[in-house]
Amino acid sequence: MLRRFFIICPICMTCLVLLIAGLTSNISTVTGMQNGIIAVLMNATLLWHAFLCIIEKPRVLFALYAIVHITVAVPIWITCSMMVSKTFL
């Protein structure tokens, strides 16, 4: 059970980015903290994928998982960051 959560955690972090952006995009008193949280989660997701590729076997499968997830997640991260920062500017 814990191993599955360890594997699914990058997807959970991307969902958390969506949740933060959805909750704070319409608030007029948004600070830069929300964009900072999104940036930290993006970096944590990339590092988590790197650790998965190093620790778990078969490495090719986890590398493919990382490539597919990052390909889908980067536009989501950019869109969420833009949604939050437009109210900050």
C-alpha atoms as a PDB file:
ATOM      1  CA  MET A   1       0.000   0.000   0.000  1.00  0.00           C
ATOM      2  CA  LEU A   2       2.767   2.448   0.913  1.00  0.00           C
ATOM      3  CA  ARG A   3       4.700   1.486  -2.236  1.00  0.00           C
ATOM      4  CA  ARG A   4       1.675   2.346  -4.389  1.00  0.00           C
ATOM      5  CA  PHE A   5       1.352   5.737  -2.713  1.00  0.00           C
ATOM      6  CA  PHE A   6       5.076   6.317  -3.281  1.00  0.00           C
ATOM      7  CA  ILE A   7       4.557   5.593  -6.984  1.00  0.00           C
ATOM      8  CA  ILE A   8       1.377   7.684  -7.343  1.00  0.00           C
ATOM      9  CA  CYS A   9       2.674  10.649  -5.329  1.00  0.00           C
ATOM     10  CA  PRO A  10       3.767  12.742  -8.392  1.00  0.00           C
ATOM     11  CA  ILE A  11       0.211  12.588  -9.715  1.00  0.00           C
ATOM     12  CA  CYS A  12      -1.094  13.612  -6.280  1.00  0.00           C
ATOM     13  CA  MET A  13       1.239  16.624  -6.315  1.00  0.00           C
ATOM     14  CA  THR A  14      -0.077  17.670  -9.725  1.00  0.00           C
ATOM     15  CA  CYS A  15      -3.638  17.371  -8.388  1.00  0.00           C
ATOM     16  CA  LEU A  16      -2.606  19.544  -5.451  1.00  0.00           C
ATOM     17  CA  VAL A  17      -1.347  22.193  -7.903  1.00  0.00           C
ATOM     18  CA  LEU A  18      -4.745  22.118  -9.618  1.00  0.00           C
ATOM     19  CA  LEU A  19      -6.507  22.439  -6.279  1.00  0.00           C
ATOM     20  CA  ILE A  20      -4.384  25.399  -5.168  1.00  0.00           C
ATOM     21  CA  ALA A  21      -4.878  27.185  -8.475  1.00  0.00           C
ATOM     22  CA  GLY A  22      -8.613  26.529  -8.484  1.00  0.00           C
ATOM     23  CA  LEU A  23      -9.089  27.776  -4.951  1.00  0.00           C
ATOM     24  CA  THR A  24      -6.918  30.893  -5.233  1.00  0.00           C
ATOM     25  CA  SER A  25      -7.462  32.050  -8.828  1.00  0.00           C
ATOM     26  CA  ASN A  26     -10.527  34.175  -7.990  1.00  0.00           C
ATOM     27  CA  ILE A  27      -9.294  35.652  -4.715  1.00  0.00           C
ATOM     28  CA  SER A  28      -8.302  39.293  -5.070  1.00  0.00           C
ATOM     29  CA  THR A  29      -5.904  39.259  -2.104  1.00  0.00           C
ATOM     30  CA  VAL A  30      -3.603  36.588  -3.480  1.00  0.00           C
ATOM     31  CA  THR A  31       0.018  36.889  -2.449  1.00  0.00           C
ATOM     32  CA  GLY A  32       3.036  35.457  -4.209  1.00  0.00           C
ATOM     33  CA  MET A  33       2.990  32.531  -1.812  1.00  0.00           C
ATOM     34  CA  GLN A  34       0.638  30.508  -4.032  1.00  0.00           C
ATOM     35  CA  ASN A  35       3.022  30.739  -6.982  1.00  0.00           C
ATOM     36  CA  GLY A  36       5.846  29.748  -4.662  1.00  0.00           C
ATOM     37  CA  ILE A  37       3.932  26.676  -3.520  1.00  0.00           C
ATOM     38  CA  ILE A  38       3.236  25.721  -7.138  1.00  0.00           C
ATOM     39  CA  ALA A  39       6.938  26.111  -8.005  1.00  0.00           C
ATOM     40  CA  VAL A  40       7.969  23.966  -5.029  1.00  0.00           C
ATOM     41  CA  LEU A  41       5.480  21.262  -6.006  1.00  0.00           C
ATOM     42  CA  MET A  42       6.723  21.285  -9.607  1.00  0.00           C
ATOM     43  CA  ASN A  43      10.315  20.795  -8.476  1.00  0.00           C
ATOM     44  CA  ALA A  44       9.307  18.150  -5.946  1.00  0.00           C
ATOM     45  CA  THR A  45       7.472  16.234  -8.671  1.00  0.00           C
ATOM     46  CA  LEU A  46      10.518  16.257 -10.935  1.00  0.00           C
ATOM     47  CA  LEU A  47      12.775  15.096  -8.111  1.00  0.00           C
ATOM     48  CA  TRP A  48      10.272  12.415  -7.087  1.00  0.00           C
ATOM     49  CA  HIS A  49      10.305  11.035 -10.637  1.00  0.00           C
ATOM     50  CA  ALA A  50      14.106  11.020 -10.590  1.00  0.00           C
ATOM     51  CA  PHE A  51      14.107   9.064  -7.320  1.00  0.00           C
ATOM     52  CA  LEU A  52      11.549   6.624  -8.728  1.00  0.00           C
ATOM     53  CA  CYS A  53      13.734   6.017 -11.770  1.00  0.00           C
ATOM     54  CA  ILE A  54      16.752   5.382  -9.547  1.00  0.00           C
ATOM     55  CA  ILE A  55      15.160   3.289  -6.789  1.00  0.00           C
ATOM     56  CA  GLU A  56      12.404   1.254  -8.433  1.00  0.00           C
ATOM     57  CA  LYS A  57      12.769  -1.584 -10.914  1.00  0.00           C
ATOM     58  CA  PRO A  58      12.231  -1.827 -13.926  1.00  0.00           C
ATOM     59  CA  ARG A  59      13.802   1.552 -14.563  1.00  0.00           C
ATOM     60  CA  VAL A  60      12.588   1.799 -18.147  1.00  0.00           C
ATOM     61  CA  LEU A  61       8.967   1.553 -17.016  1.00  0.00           C
ATOM     62  CA  PHE A  62       9.403   4.313 -14.427  1.00  0.00           C
ATOM     63  CA  ALA A  63      11.291   6.472 -16.922  1.00  0.00           C
ATOM     64  CA  LEU A  64       8.389   6.101 -19.344  1.00  0.00           C
ATOM     65  CA  TYR A  65       5.968   6.952 -16.518  1.00  0.00           C
ATOM     66  CA  ALA A  66       8.032  10.083 -15.767  1.00  0.00           C
ATOM     67  CA  ILE A  67       8.127  11.168 -19.398  1.00  0.00           C
ATOM     68  CA  VAL A  68       4.384  10.728 -19.889  1.00  0.00           C
ATOM     69  CA  HIS A  69       3.474  12.417 -16.614  1.00  0.00           C
ATOM     70  CA  ILE A  70       5.831  15.360 -17.113  1.00  0.00           C
ATOM     71  CA  THR A  71       4.610  15.826 -20.690  1.00  0.00           C
ATOM     72  CA  VAL A  72       1.041  16.114 -19.415  1.00  0.00           C
ATOM     73  CA  ALA A  73       1.864  18.008 -16.208  1.00  0.00           C
ATOM     74  CA  VAL A  74       4.035  20.838 -17.568  1.00  0.00           C
ATOM     75  CA  PRO A  75       1.173  22.552 -19.465  1.00  0.00           C
ATOM     76  CA  ILE A  76      -1.022  22.088 -16.387  1.00  0.00           C
ATOM     77  CA  TRP A  77       1.631  23.665 -14.147  1.00  0.00           C
ATOM     78  CA  ILE A  78       2.132  26.604 -16.508  1.00  0.00           C
ATOM     79  CA  THR A  79      -1.611  27.207 -16.820  1.00  0.00           C
ATOM     80  CA  CYS A  80      -2.124  27.025 -13.059  1.00  0.00           C
ATOM     81  CA  SER A  81       0.784  29.365 -12.444  1.00  0.00           C
ATOM     82  CA  MET A  82      -0.658  31.851 -14.931  1.00  0.00           C
ATOM     83  CA  MET A  83      -4.115  31.583 -13.341  1.00  0.00           C
ATOM     84  CA  VAL A  84      -2.719  32.410  -9.915  1.00  0.00           C
ATOM     85  CA  SER A  85      -0.285  35.119 -11.017  1.00  0.00           C
ATOM     86  CA  LYS A  86      -2.811  37.083 -13.082  1.00  0.00           C
ATOM     87  CA  THR A  87      -4.641  37.999  -9.899  1.00  0.00           C
ATOM     88  CA  PHE A  88      -1.326  38.759  -8.182  1.00  0.00           C
ATOM     89  CA  LEU A  89      -0.256  41.242 -10.863  1.00  0.00           C
END
